[in-house]
Every structure is written in C-alpha cells, then in structure tokens.
C-alpha cells in the first residue's frame, strides 16, 4: 500500500468485513475483517498497522521492528503480532495484563506504541513502556511515537507533579521518564495521572524510561535521526546535568549528543552553573525573571486543588482523583 496509515488499515479491515459472506446458521457477530499495512526498510525501523474490524467493535495496534531486519524476519514478527492481537481481542485467552507481560522482553526491539482493543485500560497500555519502547500520548489517545517526535522538536523533560501554570506556558513535547537519575522510579499510576493532567491542557506527552539527557536524546534521534532538538530545562535541572564527574571527559556529553541545544529557564534562588562540560554544549539562558511557581508548593498545600499555581482543568482533576494532600493518594 502507498499510504501506510491507521486510516488505511481501518478502511481495508472494514471493507473486508463488509465482503464477508454469512453462511446459513452462522452468527454474524463471529465475523471479522483483518488488514495489515506496513513498510520494510533496510537501514531504519520497519513498521506496520494491524487492524481487526468486527460488527460490534474494532481493535488495532502499531508495531515497529528493529532496523536492519531482513524482509523475512519482519514478516515473521508481524505474523506473531497479528496472532497476539487476535488472541487477546477475539479469543480472550488471558487478561490483557498477562497478555502484555507475556511479550515483555521482545518489546525492547519489536515495539508496540499503539494498542486499542476491548478491555485494554490505559494502565495496561502503560505496561508496554520499556527503555526501548517509549509511548506517546496526545489529544486523548496514544499515538505513533515517530509522528509526535517529528512534530515537536522542542522537548520539555520534567516530573510535572503536578503540571503548573508555569510548565504549561511551554509549547513543546512534554517528556516524563518513569525512571529518574536521582529520585528512582515512578509507578504506572503516577505516570498515568501526570500524563492525563498534561493532556487536559492539550500538551503532547512522550513517556520514556530514559533517566539521563543522553538517554532521552538517543530515544529522540532513533525516531527522528535528522532532527536538531532543543531541551527546555529549568536552571536546577541544567546544574544537575553537567557535573563533570558523571562523564569520562568534558567533551563526552557534546560528542554523544551533538544535535541538541539547551534552553535554560531561570529559577528563583538558583544560579547558573558553568564548567568544562558546559563549555562544550550549546545553550542559552532565556530572558526574564525566574518564576516562584513550583509543583512542590502545590503538593504540600493542605488543599492542593485550590492552589493558585494550577489551571482550572488541572485543579479539577486533582480534586476529582483525590491526589496529593486533599485525599488518600500521595504521589511520589
């Protein structure tokens, strides 16, 4: 097919369903149409959309297959993923949680970034997240990581716990890593809440297990190898990025991630740190005074949902979900 897209896969699956003939005595609800659209490449990842249409519901997924895989291997992986989706969606051989756990290790090289089927929750979709299998969420649904990364070359990494008015001023791809270099890991529930709060404000979200900037950079370049990226960071995050003891040489970080520029946001009470590592990086400090708005103040407030640092949509979500100090849920 010339157009390798979800819409094309949907159209073909529904067309196949419409052409399926019902035999005498057959239950029409057992019918389905299956479509696969994909592309094989030599020097970059191959990918495919798999779509199942039934009279009552649809199921679909998008997969990527490691670069330099030959055509036969790509076909084999696609066939295995077709079987996997059909077993989960049509046969219900196990819970989706177990079904996803069963393919855990393979997600490092043969990714699933879109998965929709009856009974699959966002929590279960987030179980797909691996160091080699990032996810992207925008406008209420999971998207192809490639499409989101290519659309937003400015990346804003952070905890966003919760996202404040200051965070939300940025026009960028908001990146949340489930693993943090200093703070350890986040639960799936933590990631889910932060993702949904950002999405309420229309912000695209990239979910990773990439704790360091070099890890984030490698994820981004994998999906958009020719792009020049900008990391939007707070001054405190910048200061934690460049300590020379973290790297084999002062030039190492620049050599490993040459196609990136840091834009540094001033923070009240934080001074810019410069050293031999920063000397080799491209960066600029944004104009303006540092803001006093911060997520910690919201979390520590006795009525977090009423805090002036929050937008109405985020505040209402915190109240509804019972997050932070006003309810039983305390996010790390």
C-alpha atoms as a PDB file:
ATOM      1  CA  UNK A   1       0.000   0.000   0.000  1.00  0.00           C
ATOM      2  CA  UNK A   2       1.228   3.517  -0.726  1.00  0.00           C
ATOM      3  CA  UNK A   3      -0.312   5.006   2.412  1.00  0.00           C
ATOM      4  CA  UNK A   4       0.889   3.146   5.488  1.00  0.00           C
ATOM      5  CA  UNK A   5      -1.542   4.603   7.995  1.00  0.00           C
ATOM      6  CA  UNK A   6      -4.091   3.703  10.614  1.00  0.00           C
ATOM      7  CA  UNK A   7      -6.885   5.163   8.484  1.00  0.00           C
ATOM      8  CA  UNK A   8      -5.901   2.960   5.570  1.00  0.00           C
ATOM      9  CA  UNK A   9      -5.741  -0.146   7.743  1.00  0.00           C
ATOM     10  CA  UNK A  10      -9.181   0.706   9.169  1.00  0.00           C
ATOM     11  CA  UNK A  11     -10.667   1.176   5.726  1.00  0.00           C
ATOM     12  CA  UNK A  12      -9.295  -2.123   4.452  1.00  0.00           C
ATOM     13  CA  UNK A  13     -10.409  -4.097   7.519  1.00  0.00           C
ATOM     14  CA  UNK A  14     -13.917  -2.686   7.382  1.00  0.00           C
ATOM     15  CA  UNK A  15     -14.060  -3.371   3.638  1.00  0.00           C
ATOM     16  CA  UNK A  16     -13.001  -6.978   4.269  1.00  0.00           C
ATOM     17  CA  UNK A  17     -15.675  -7.319   6.940  1.00  0.00           C
ATOM     18  CA  UNK A  18     -18.296  -5.983   4.560  1.00  0.00           C
ATOM     19  CA  UNK A  19     -17.329  -8.544   1.916  1.00  0.00           C
ATOM     20  CA  UNK A  20     -17.535 -11.479   4.316  1.00  0.00           C
ATOM     21  CA  UNK A  21     -20.441 -13.777   3.470  1.00  0.00           C
ATOM     22  CA  UNK A  22     -22.606 -15.199   6.226  1.00  0.00           C
ATOM     23  CA  UNK A  23     -23.279 -18.881   5.880  1.00  0.00           C
ATOM     24  CA  UNK A  24     -26.609 -20.381   6.881  1.00  0.00           C
ATOM     25  CA  UNK A  25     -26.871 -20.706  10.631  1.00  0.00           C
ATOM     26  CA  UNK A  26     -23.730 -18.648  11.266  1.00  0.00           C
ATOM     27  CA  UNK A  27     -23.758 -15.973  13.944  1.00  0.00           C
ATOM     28  CA  UNK A  28     -22.841 -12.684  12.203  1.00  0.00           C
ATOM     29  CA  UNK A  29     -21.186 -11.455  15.406  1.00  0.00           C
ATOM     30  CA  UNK A  30     -18.392 -14.005  14.882  1.00  0.00           C
ATOM     31  CA  UNK A  31     -17.260 -12.341  11.654  1.00  0.00           C
ATOM     32  CA  UNK A  32     -14.251 -10.059  11.435  1.00  0.00           C
ATOM     33  CA  UNK A  33     -12.130  -8.278   8.858  1.00  0.00           C
ATOM     34  CA  UNK A  34      -8.342  -8.164   9.178  1.00  0.00           C
ATOM     35  CA  UNK A  35      -5.959  -5.720   7.499  1.00  0.00           C
ATOM     36  CA  UNK A  36      -2.217  -5.203   7.714  1.00  0.00           C
ATOM     37  CA  UNK A  37      -0.415  -2.246   6.169  1.00  0.00           C
ATOM     38  CA  UNK A  38       3.315  -1.906   6.621  1.00  0.00           C
ATOM     39  CA  UNK A  39       6.683  -0.974   5.208  1.00  0.00           C
ATOM     40  CA  UNK A  40      10.057  -2.715   5.254  1.00  0.00           C
ATOM     41  CA  UNK A  41      13.239  -0.633   5.341  1.00  0.00           C
ATOM     42  CA  UNK A  42      16.877  -1.681   5.280  1.00  0.00           C
ATOM     43  CA  UNK A  43      18.574   0.961   7.419  1.00  0.00           C
ATOM     44  CA  UNK A  44      15.797   2.074   9.739  1.00  0.00           C
ATOM     45  CA  UNK A  45      12.930   0.546  11.611  1.00  0.00           C
ATOM     46  CA  UNK A  46      10.201  -1.229   9.682  1.00  0.00           C
ATOM     47  CA  UNK A  47       6.647  -0.790  10.898  1.00  0.00           C
ATOM     48  CA  UNK A  48       3.078  -1.970  10.432  1.00  0.00           C
ATOM     49  CA  UNK A  49      -0.518  -1.245  11.418  1.00  0.00           C
ATOM     50  CA  UNK A  50      -2.702  -4.244  12.262  1.00  0.00           C
ATOM     51  CA  UNK A  51      -6.465  -3.705  12.339  1.00  0.00           C
ATOM     52  CA  UNK A  52      -9.371  -6.012  13.235  1.00  0.00           C
ATOM     53  CA  UNK A  53     -12.926  -4.863  12.451  1.00  0.00           C
ATOM     54  CA  UNK A  54     -15.985  -6.677  13.822  1.00  0.00           C
ATOM     55  CA  UNK A  55     -19.707  -5.857  13.729  1.00  0.00           C
ATOM     56  CA  UNK A  56     -19.560  -4.521  17.318  1.00  0.00           C
ATOM     57  CA  UNK A  57     -16.018  -3.245  17.924  1.00  0.00           C
ATOM     58  CA  UNK A  58     -12.588  -2.685  16.394  1.00  0.00           C
ATOM     59  CA  UNK A  59      -9.090  -3.477  17.655  1.00  0.00           C
ATOM     60  CA  UNK A  60      -5.820  -2.178  16.300  1.00  0.00           C
ATOM     61  CA  UNK A  61      -2.144  -1.713  17.031  1.00  0.00           C
ATOM     62  CA  UNK A  62       1.026  -0.227  15.575  1.00  0.00           C
ATOM     63  CA  UNK A  63       4.357  -2.022  15.778  1.00  0.00           C
ATOM     64  CA  UNK A  64       7.941  -1.121  14.923  1.00  0.00           C
ATOM     65  CA  UNK A  65      10.630  -3.690  14.164  1.00  0.00           C
ATOM     66  CA  UNK A  66      14.335  -3.210  14.736  1.00  0.00           C
ATOM     67  CA  UNK A  67      16.404  -1.600  11.977  1.00  0.00           C
ATOM     68  CA  UNK A  68      18.446  -3.859   9.685  1.00  0.00           C
ATOM     69  CA  UNK A  69      15.893  -6.684   9.952  1.00  0.00           C
ATOM     70  CA  UNK A  70      15.509  -8.568   6.679  1.00  0.00           C
ATOM     71  CA  UNK A  71      12.139  -8.877   4.984  1.00  0.00           C
ATOM     72  CA  UNK A  72      11.606 -12.466   6.094  1.00  0.00           C
ATOM     73  CA  UNK A  73      12.232 -11.571   9.735  1.00  0.00           C
ATOM     74  CA  UNK A  74       9.904  -8.566   9.522  1.00  0.00           C
ATOM     75  CA  UNK A  75       7.169 -10.796   8.092  1.00  0.00           C
ATOM     76  CA  UNK A  76       7.659 -13.270  10.902  1.00  0.00           C
ATOM     77  CA  UNK A  77       7.382 -10.614  13.615  1.00  0.00           C
ATOM     78  CA  UNK A  78       4.287  -9.087  12.015  1.00  0.00           C
ATOM     79  CA  UNK A  79       2.667 -12.549  11.835  1.00  0.00           C
ATOM     80  CA  UNK A  80       3.431 -13.146  15.507  1.00  0.00           C
ATOM     81  CA  UNK A  81       1.931  -9.780  16.465  1.00  0.00           C
ATOM     82  CA  UNK A  82      -1.195 -10.473  14.369  1.00  0.00           C
ATOM     83  CA  UNK A  83      -1.668 -13.717  16.257  1.00  0.00           C
ATOM     84  CA  UNK A  84      -1.017 -11.945  19.558  1.00  0.00           C
ATOM     85  CA  UNK A  85      -3.657  -9.271  18.856  1.00  0.00           C
ATOM     86  CA  UNK A  86      -6.216 -11.808  17.678  1.00  0.00           C
ATOM     87  CA  UNK A  87      -5.700 -13.983  20.745  1.00  0.00           C
ATOM     88  CA  UNK A  88      -6.223 -11.011  23.030  1.00  0.00           C
ATOM     89  CA  UNK A  89      -9.064  -9.303  21.173  1.00  0.00           C
ATOM     90  CA  UNK A  90     -11.003 -12.210  19.654  1.00  0.00           C
ATOM     91  CA  UNK A  91     -10.247 -15.165  21.905  1.00  0.00           C
ATOM     92  CA  UNK A  92      -9.575 -13.571  25.288  1.00  0.00           C
ATOM     93  CA  UNK A  93      -7.133 -16.348  26.183  1.00  0.00           C
ATOM     94  CA  UNK A  94      -5.877 -14.377  29.209  1.00  0.00           C
ATOM     95  CA  UNK A  95      -6.210 -10.976  30.844  1.00  0.00           C
ATOM     96  CA  UNK A  96      -4.622  -8.120  28.919  1.00  0.00           C
ATOM     97  CA  UNK A  97      -2.197  -7.622  31.793  1.00  0.00           C
ATOM     98  CA  UNK A  98      -0.957 -11.186  31.445  1.00  0.00           C
ATOM     99  CA  UNK A  99      -1.081 -10.974  27.662  1.00  0.00           C
ATOM    100  CA  UNK A 100       1.199  -7.917  27.708  1.00  0.00           C
ATOM    101  CA  UNK A 101       3.534  -9.425  30.293  1.00  0.00           C
ATOM    102  CA  UNK A 102       3.970 -12.486  28.065  1.00  0.00           C
ATOM    103  CA  UNK A 103       5.761 -10.418  25.392  1.00  0.00           C
ATOM    104  CA  UNK A 104       7.688  -8.201  27.799  1.00  0.00           C
ATOM    105  CA  UNK A 105      11.289  -8.809  26.713  1.00  0.00           C
ATOM    106  CA  UNK A 106      10.513  -8.606  22.997  1.00  0.00           C
ATOM    107  CA  UNK A 107       9.278  -5.024  23.405  1.00  0.00           C
ATOM    108  CA  UNK A 108      12.879  -3.817  23.532  1.00  0.00           C
ATOM    109  CA  UNK A 109      13.374  -4.470  19.812  1.00  0.00           C
ATOM    110  CA  UNK A 110       9.897  -5.094  18.389  1.00  0.00           C
ATOM    111  CA  UNK A 111       7.811  -2.260  19.758  1.00  0.00           C
ATOM    112  CA  UNK A 112       4.108  -1.628  20.273  1.00  0.00           C
ATOM    113  CA  UNK A 113       3.291   2.063  20.715  1.00  0.00           C
ATOM    114  CA  UNK A 114      -0.435   1.937  19.867  1.00  0.00           C
ATOM    115  CA  UNK A 115      -2.776  -0.712  21.269  1.00  0.00           C
ATOM    116  CA  UNK A 116      -6.559  -0.424  21.365  1.00  0.00           C
ATOM    117  CA  UNK A 117      -8.923  -3.335  21.918  1.00  0.00           C
ATOM    118  CA  UNK A 118     -11.962  -4.094  24.085  1.00  0.00           C
ATOM    119  CA  UNK A 119     -10.964  -4.350  27.723  1.00  0.00           C
ATOM    120  CA  UNK A 120      -7.497  -2.783  27.466  1.00  0.00           C
ATOM    121  CA  UNK A 121      -7.081   0.008  30.035  1.00  0.00           C
ATOM    122  CA  UNK A 122      -4.604   2.891  29.971  1.00  0.00           C
ATOM    123  CA  UNK A 123      -2.831   1.280  32.930  1.00  0.00           C
ATOM    124  CA  UNK A 124      -2.334  -1.870  30.864  1.00  0.00           C
ATOM    125  CA  UNK A 125      -1.198   0.155  27.859  1.00  0.00           C
ATOM    126  CA  UNK A 126       1.414   1.800  30.064  1.00  0.00           C
ATOM    127  CA  UNK A 127       2.741  -1.674  30.853  1.00  0.00           C
ATOM    128  CA  UNK A 128       4.178  -1.599  27.326  1.00  0.00           C
ATOM    129  CA  UNK A 129       6.640   1.083  28.421  1.00  0.00           C
ATOM    130  CA  UNK A 130      10.262  -0.102  28.293  1.00  0.00           C
ATOM    131  CA  UNK A 131      13.663   1.599  27.786  1.00  0.00           C
ATOM    132  CA  UNK A 132      13.432   0.532  24.149  1.00  0.00           C
ATOM    133  CA  UNK A 133       9.682   1.063  23.830  1.00  0.00           C
ATOM    134  CA  UNK A 134       8.617   4.667  24.571  1.00  0.00           C
ATOM    135  CA  UNK A 135       4.994   5.758  24.234  1.00  0.00           C
ATOM    136  CA  UNK A 136       3.371   8.982  23.029  1.00  0.00           C
ATOM    137  CA  UNK A 137       0.030  10.442  24.119  1.00  0.00           C
ATOM    138  CA  UNK A 138      -1.751  13.430  22.573  1.00  0.00           C
ATOM    139  CA  UNK A 139      -5.340  14.650  22.353  1.00  0.00           C
ATOM    140  CA  UNK A 140      -6.693  11.815  24.447  1.00  0.00           C
ATOM    141  CA  UNK A 141      -5.063   8.833  22.757  1.00  0.00           C
ATOM    142  CA  UNK A 142      -1.790   7.014  22.273  1.00  0.00           C
ATOM    143  CA  UNK A 143      -0.042   7.935  19.019  1.00  0.00           C
ATOM    144  CA  UNK A 144       2.858   6.748  16.903  1.00  0.00           C
ATOM    145  CA  UNK A 145       5.991   7.899  18.680  1.00  0.00           C
ATOM    146  CA  UNK A 146       7.552   8.832  15.337  1.00  0.00           C
ATOM    147  CA  UNK A 147       4.713  11.203  14.471  1.00  0.00           C
ATOM    148  CA  UNK A 148       4.824  13.022  17.803  1.00  0.00           C
ATOM    149  CA  UNK A 149       8.628  13.324  17.981  1.00  0.00           C
ATOM    150  CA  UNK A 150       8.854  14.690  14.437  1.00  0.00           C
ATOM    151  CA  UNK A 151       6.137  17.246  15.135  1.00  0.00           C
ATOM    152  CA  UNK A 152       7.662  18.702  18.303  1.00  0.00           C
ATOM    153  CA  UNK A 153      11.455  19.231  18.120  1.00  0.00           C
ATOM    154  CA  UNK A 154      11.444  21.177  21.407  1.00  0.00           C
ATOM    155  CA  UNK A 155      11.340  18.733  24.315  1.00  0.00           C
ATOM    156  CA  UNK A 156      10.499  19.694  27.899  1.00  0.00           C
ATOM    157  CA  UNK A 157      11.598  16.940  30.307  1.00  0.00           C
ATOM    158  CA  UNK A 158      10.227  17.022  33.822  1.00  0.00           C
ATOM    159  CA  UNK A 159       8.258  15.393  36.605  1.00  0.00           C
ATOM    160  CA  UNK A 160       5.167  17.641  36.191  1.00  0.00           C
ATOM    161  CA  UNK A 161       3.921  16.550  39.599  1.00  0.00           C
ATOM    162  CA  UNK A 162       1.544  18.300  39.041  1.00  0.00           C
ATOM    163  CA  UNK A 163       1.930  20.480  35.932  1.00  0.00           C
ATOM    164  CA  UNK A 164       1.670  24.126  36.959  1.00  0.00           C
ATOM    165  CA  UNK A 165       0.746  27.273  35.066  1.00  0.00           C
ATOM    166  CA  UNK A 166       4.449  27.903  34.560  1.00  0.00           C
ATOM    167  CA  UNK A 167       5.005  24.481  32.979  1.00  0.00           C
ATOM    168  CA  UNK A 168       2.004  24.877  30.715  1.00  0.00           C
ATOM    169  CA  UNK A 169       3.279  28.094  29.143  1.00  0.00           C
ATOM    170  CA  UNK A 170       5.665  26.000  27.045  1.00  0.00           C
ATOM    171  CA  UNK A 171       4.883  24.917  23.506  1.00  0.00           C
ATOM    172  CA  UNK A 172       6.833  21.672  23.484  1.00  0.00           C
ATOM    173  CA  UNK A 173       6.761  17.910  23.743  1.00  0.00           C
ATOM    174  CA  UNK A 174       6.486  17.175  27.469  1.00  0.00           C
ATOM    175  CA  UNK A 175       8.670  14.185  28.374  1.00  0.00           C
ATOM    176  CA  UNK A 176       8.111  12.130  31.521  1.00  0.00           C
ATOM    177  CA  UNK A 177      10.603   9.410  32.369  1.00  0.00           C
ATOM    178  CA  UNK A 178       9.356   6.595  34.574  1.00  0.00           C
ATOM    179  CA  UNK A 179      12.951   6.280  35.753  1.00  0.00           C
ATOM    180  CA  UNK A 180      14.726   9.268  37.330  1.00  0.00           C
ATOM    181  CA  UNK A 181      18.501   9.551  37.700  1.00  0.00           C
ATOM    182  CA  UNK A 182      18.278  10.871  41.275  1.00  0.00           C
ATOM    183  CA  UNK A 183      14.774  10.012  42.526  1.00  0.00           C
ATOM    184  CA  UNK A 184      14.267   6.419  41.388  1.00  0.00           C
ATOM    185  CA  UNK A 185      11.165   5.121  39.623  1.00  0.00           C
ATOM    186  CA  UNK A 186       7.519   6.140  39.285  1.00  0.00           C
ATOM    187  CA  UNK A 187       4.550   3.823  39.497  1.00  0.00           C
ATOM    188  CA  UNK A 188       2.349   3.358  36.453  1.00  0.00           C
ATOM    189  CA  UNK A 189      -0.430   5.184  38.327  1.00  0.00           C
ATOM    190  CA  UNK A 190       1.856   8.198  38.883  1.00  0.00           C
ATOM    191  CA  UNK A 191       2.734   8.325  35.192  1.00  0.00           C
ATOM    192  CA  UNK A 192      -0.914   7.962  34.210  1.00  0.00           C
ATOM    193  CA  UNK A 193      -2.093  10.895  36.348  1.00  0.00           C
ATOM    194  CA  UNK A 194       0.634  13.240  35.119  1.00  0.00           C
ATOM    195  CA  UNK A 195       0.019  12.236  31.508  1.00  0.00           C
ATOM    196  CA  UNK A 196      -3.704  12.903  31.841  1.00  0.00           C
ATOM    197  CA  UNK A 197      -3.232  16.281  33.525  1.00  0.00           C
ATOM    198  CA  UNK A 198      -0.961  17.453  30.706  1.00  0.00           C
ATOM    199  CA  UNK A 199      -3.356  16.094  28.113  1.00  0.00           C
ATOM    200  CA  UNK A 200      -6.228  18.081  29.625  1.00  0.00           C
ATOM    201  CA  UNK A 201      -4.288  21.191  28.605  1.00  0.00           C
ATOM    202  CA  UNK A 202      -3.627  19.862  25.104  1.00  0.00           C
ATOM    203  CA  UNK A 203       0.048  19.096  25.693  1.00  0.00           C
ATOM    204  CA  UNK A 204       1.703  16.215  23.794  1.00  0.00           C
ATOM    205  CA  UNK A 205       3.433  13.764  26.120  1.00  0.00           C
ATOM    206  CA  UNK A 206       6.367  11.434  25.473  1.00  0.00           C
ATOM    207  CA  UNK A 207       6.652   8.644  28.053  1.00  0.00           C
ATOM    208  CA  UNK A 208      10.064   7.024  28.433  1.00  0.00           C
ATOM    209  CA  UNK A 209      12.327   5.078  30.723  1.00  0.00           C
ATOM    210  CA  UNK A 210      15.189   7.440  29.898  1.00  0.00           C
ATOM    211  CA  UNK A 211      16.546   8.979  33.118  1.00  0.00           C
ATOM    212  CA  UNK A 212      19.524  10.939  31.714  1.00  0.00           C
ATOM    213  CA  UNK A 213      19.581  13.530  28.944  1.00  0.00           C
ATOM    214  CA  UNK A 214      21.817  11.278  26.864  1.00  0.00           C
ATOM    215  CA  UNK A 215      19.149   8.544  27.186  1.00  0.00           C
ATOM    216  CA  UNK A 216      16.409  10.949  26.135  1.00  0.00           C
ATOM    217  CA  UNK A 217      18.496  12.180  23.210  1.00  0.00           C
ATOM    218  CA  UNK A 218      19.042   8.645  21.935  1.00  0.00           C
ATOM    219  CA  UNK A 219      15.318   7.945  22.072  1.00  0.00           C
ATOM    220  CA  UNK A 220      14.561  11.105  20.100  1.00  0.00           C
ATOM    221  CA  UNK A 221      17.243  10.506  17.448  1.00  0.00           C
ATOM    222  CA  UNK A 222      16.005   6.978  16.929  1.00  0.00           C
ATOM    223  CA  UNK A 223      12.642   8.320  15.788  1.00  0.00           C
ATOM    224  CA  UNK A 224      13.895  11.432  14.013  1.00  0.00           C
ATOM    225  CA  UNK A 225      17.583  10.928  13.138  1.00  0.00           C
ATOM    226  CA  UNK A 226      17.971  14.109  11.086  1.00  0.00           C
ATOM    227  CA  UNK A 227      16.323  16.466  13.584  1.00  0.00           C
ATOM    228  CA  UNK A 228      18.019  19.154  15.663  1.00  0.00           C
ATOM    229  CA  UNK A 229      16.433  19.079  19.115  1.00  0.00           C
ATOM    230  CA  UNK A 230      16.014  21.654  21.862  1.00  0.00           C
ATOM    231  CA  UNK A 231      15.837  20.622  25.512  1.00  0.00           C
ATOM    232  CA  UNK A 232      13.882  23.145  27.579  1.00  0.00           C
ATOM    233  CA  UNK A 233      15.142  22.799  31.156  1.00  0.00           C
ATOM    234  CA  UNK A 234      14.966  24.606  34.462  1.00  0.00           C
ATOM    235  CA  UNK A 235      18.219  26.019  35.754  1.00  0.00           C
ATOM    236  CA  UNK A 236      18.272  23.464  38.572  1.00  0.00           C
ATOM    237  CA  UNK A 237      17.945  20.612  36.046  1.00  0.00           C
ATOM    238  CA  UNK A 238      20.764  22.119  33.977  1.00  0.00           C
ATOM    239  CA  UNK A 239      23.011  22.304  37.028  1.00  0.00           C
ATOM    240  CA  UNK A 240      22.378  18.623  37.765  1.00  0.00           C
ATOM    241  CA  UNK A 241      23.142  17.671  34.156  1.00  0.00           C
ATOM    242  CA  UNK A 242      26.674  18.985  33.782  1.00  0.00           C
ATOM    243  CA  UNK A 243      28.756  17.832  36.817  1.00  0.00           C
ATOM    244  CA  UNK A 244      31.998  16.653  35.234  1.00  0.00           C
ATOM    245  CA  UNK A 245      32.304  13.571  37.461  1.00  0.00           C
ATOM    246  CA  UNK A 246      29.356  11.998  35.581  1.00  0.00           C
ATOM    247  CA  UNK A 247      31.298  11.774  32.307  1.00  0.00           C
ATOM    248  CA  UNK A 248      34.598  10.327  31.069  1.00  0.00           C
ATOM    249  CA  UNK A 249      35.696  13.725  29.720  1.00  0.00           C
ATOM    250  CA  UNK A 250      34.474  17.301  29.490  1.00  0.00           C
ATOM    251  CA  UNK A 251      33.746  16.821  25.781  1.00  0.00           C
ATOM    252  CA  UNK A 252      31.933  13.491  26.133  1.00  0.00           C
ATOM    253  CA  UNK A 253      28.356  14.769  26.512  1.00  0.00           C
ATOM    254  CA  UNK A 254      28.630  17.013  23.455  1.00  0.00           C
ATOM    255  CA  UNK A 255      30.253  14.238  21.421  1.00  0.00           C
ATOM    256  CA  UNK A 256      27.438  11.843  22.310  1.00  0.00           C
ATOM    257  CA  UNK A 257      24.604  14.311  21.631  1.00  0.00           C
ATOM    258  CA  UNK A 258      25.802  16.893  19.091  1.00  0.00           C
ATOM    259  CA  UNK A 259      22.405  17.821  17.607  1.00  0.00           C
ATOM    260  CA  UNK A 260      20.891  19.467  20.657  1.00  0.00           C
ATOM    261  CA  UNK A 261      20.656  22.888  22.231  1.00  0.00           C
ATOM    262  CA  UNK A 262      19.663  23.600  25.831  1.00  0.00           C
ATOM    263  CA  UNK A 263      17.296  26.455  26.596  1.00  0.00           C
ATOM    264  CA  UNK A 264      17.536  27.208  30.296  1.00  0.00           C
ATOM    265  CA  UNK A 265      14.643  28.675  32.274  1.00  0.00           C
ATOM    266  CA  UNK A 266      15.684  30.908  35.217  1.00  0.00           C
ATOM    267  CA  UNK A 267      14.616  29.724  38.676  1.00  0.00           C
ATOM    268  CA  UNK A 268      14.233  31.926  41.743  1.00  0.00           C
ATOM    269  CA  UNK A 269      17.151  31.346  44.105  1.00  0.00           C
ATOM    270  CA  UNK A 270      19.125  29.234  41.604  1.00  0.00           C
ATOM    271  CA  UNK A 271      22.300  30.481  39.928  1.00  0.00           C
ATOM    272  CA  UNK A 272      23.615  29.167  36.630  1.00  0.00           C
ATOM    273  CA  UNK A 273      26.449  26.672  36.991  1.00  0.00           C
ATOM    274  CA  UNK A 274      29.109  26.574  34.298  1.00  0.00           C
ATOM    275  CA  UNK A 275      32.150  24.350  33.971  1.00  0.00           C
ATOM    276  CA  UNK A 276      34.251  22.437  31.448  1.00  0.00           C
ATOM    277  CA  UNK A 277      31.302  20.259  30.444  1.00  0.00           C
ATOM    278  CA  UNK A 278      29.009  23.211  29.757  1.00  0.00           C
ATOM    279  CA  UNK A 279      31.761  24.899  27.729  1.00  0.00           C
ATOM    280  CA  UNK A 280      31.310  22.257  25.023  1.00  0.00           C
ATOM    281  CA  UNK A 281      27.494  22.398  24.969  1.00  0.00           C
ATOM    282  CA  UNK A 282      25.224  24.774  23.066  1.00  0.00           C
ATOM    283  CA  UNK A 283      22.913  26.580  25.475  1.00  0.00           C
ATOM    284  CA  UNK A 284      21.270  29.867  26.264  1.00  0.00           C
ATOM    285  CA  UNK A 285      19.529  31.285  29.308  1.00  0.00           C
ATOM    286  CA  UNK A 286      16.055  32.530  28.472  1.00  0.00           C
ATOM    287  CA  UNK A 287      15.243  36.147  29.226  1.00  0.00           C
ATOM    288  CA  UNK A 288      13.037  37.160  32.109  1.00  0.00           C
ATOM    289  CA  UNK A 289      12.859  36.752  35.837  1.00  0.00           C
ATOM    290  CA  UNK A 290      12.687  33.321  37.386  1.00  0.00           C
ATOM    291  CA  UNK A 291       9.254  32.213  38.484  1.00  0.00           C
ATOM    292  CA  UNK A 292       8.373  31.263  42.054  1.00  0.00           C
ATOM    293  CA  UNK A 293       5.703  28.842  40.790  1.00  0.00           C
ATOM    294  CA  UNK A 294       6.631  25.257  41.605  1.00  0.00           C
ATOM    295  CA  UNK A 295       4.972  21.872  41.976  1.00  0.00           C
ATOM    296  CA  UNK A 296       6.299  21.257  45.488  1.00  0.00           C
ATOM    297  CA  UNK A 297       4.218  24.109  46.889  1.00  0.00           C
ATOM    298  CA  UNK A 298       1.096  22.565  45.361  1.00  0.00           C
ATOM    299  CA  UNK A 299       1.787  19.102  46.769  1.00  0.00           C
ATOM    300  CA  UNK A 300       2.460  20.450  50.253  1.00  0.00           C
ATOM    301  CA  UNK A 301      -0.666  22.603  50.385  1.00  0.00           C
ATOM    302  CA  UNK A 302      -3.478  21.341  52.610  1.00  0.00           C
ATOM    303  CA  UNK A 303      -5.905  21.960  49.767  1.00  0.00           C
ATOM    304  CA  UNK A 304      -3.821  21.310  46.680  1.00  0.00           C
ATOM    305  CA  UNK A 305      -6.718  21.582  44.252  1.00  0.00           C
ATOM    306  CA  UNK A 306      -7.318  25.211  45.292  1.00  0.00           C
ATOM    307  CA  UNK A 307      -3.746  26.326  44.704  1.00  0.00           C
ATOM    308  CA  UNK A 308      -3.187  29.466  42.662  1.00  0.00           C
ATOM    309  CA  UNK A 309      -0.399  27.796  40.684  1.00  0.00           C
ATOM    310  CA  UNK A 310      -2.852  25.470  38.939  1.00  0.00           C
ATOM    311  CA  UNK A 311      -5.102  25.922  35.936  1.00  0.00           C
ATOM    312  CA  UNK A 312      -8.820  25.164  36.499  1.00  0.00           C
ATOM    313  CA  UNK A 313      -8.661  21.927  34.482  1.00  0.00           C
ATOM    314  CA  UNK A 314      -5.700  20.545  36.407  1.00  0.00           C
ATOM    315  CA  UNK A 315      -7.162  21.675  39.730  1.00  0.00           C
ATOM    316  CA  UNK A 316     -10.461  19.948  38.996  1.00  0.00           C
ATOM    317  CA  UNK A 317      -8.641  16.746  38.038  1.00  0.00           C
ATOM    318  CA  UNK A 318      -6.677  16.749  41.301  1.00  0.00           C
ATOM    319  CA  UNK A 319      -9.887  17.212  43.266  1.00  0.00           C
ATOM    320  CA  UNK A 320     -11.752  14.527  41.331  1.00  0.00           C
ATOM    321  CA  UNK A 321      -8.943  11.987  41.676  1.00  0.00           C
ATOM    322  CA  UNK A 322      -8.167  12.815  45.306  1.00  0.00           C
ATOM    323  CA  UNK A 323      -4.492  13.490  44.659  1.00  0.00           C
ATOM    324  CA  UNK A 324      -1.874  14.960  46.988  1.00  0.00           C
ATOM    325  CA  UNK A 325      -2.791  16.316  50.403  1.00  0.00           C
ATOM    326  CA  UNK A 326      -6.552  16.607  49.930  1.00  0.00           C
ATOM    327  CA  UNK A 327      -7.154  12.869  49.542  1.00  0.00           C
ATOM    328  CA  UNK A 328      -5.765   9.436  50.214  1.00  0.00           C
ATOM    329  CA  UNK A 329      -3.470   9.310  47.199  1.00  0.00           C
ATOM    330  CA  UNK A 330       0.027  10.719  47.695  1.00  0.00           C
ATOM    331  CA  UNK A 331       2.092  10.716  44.516  1.00  0.00           C
ATOM    332  CA  UNK A 332       5.859  10.435  44.789  1.00  0.00           C
END
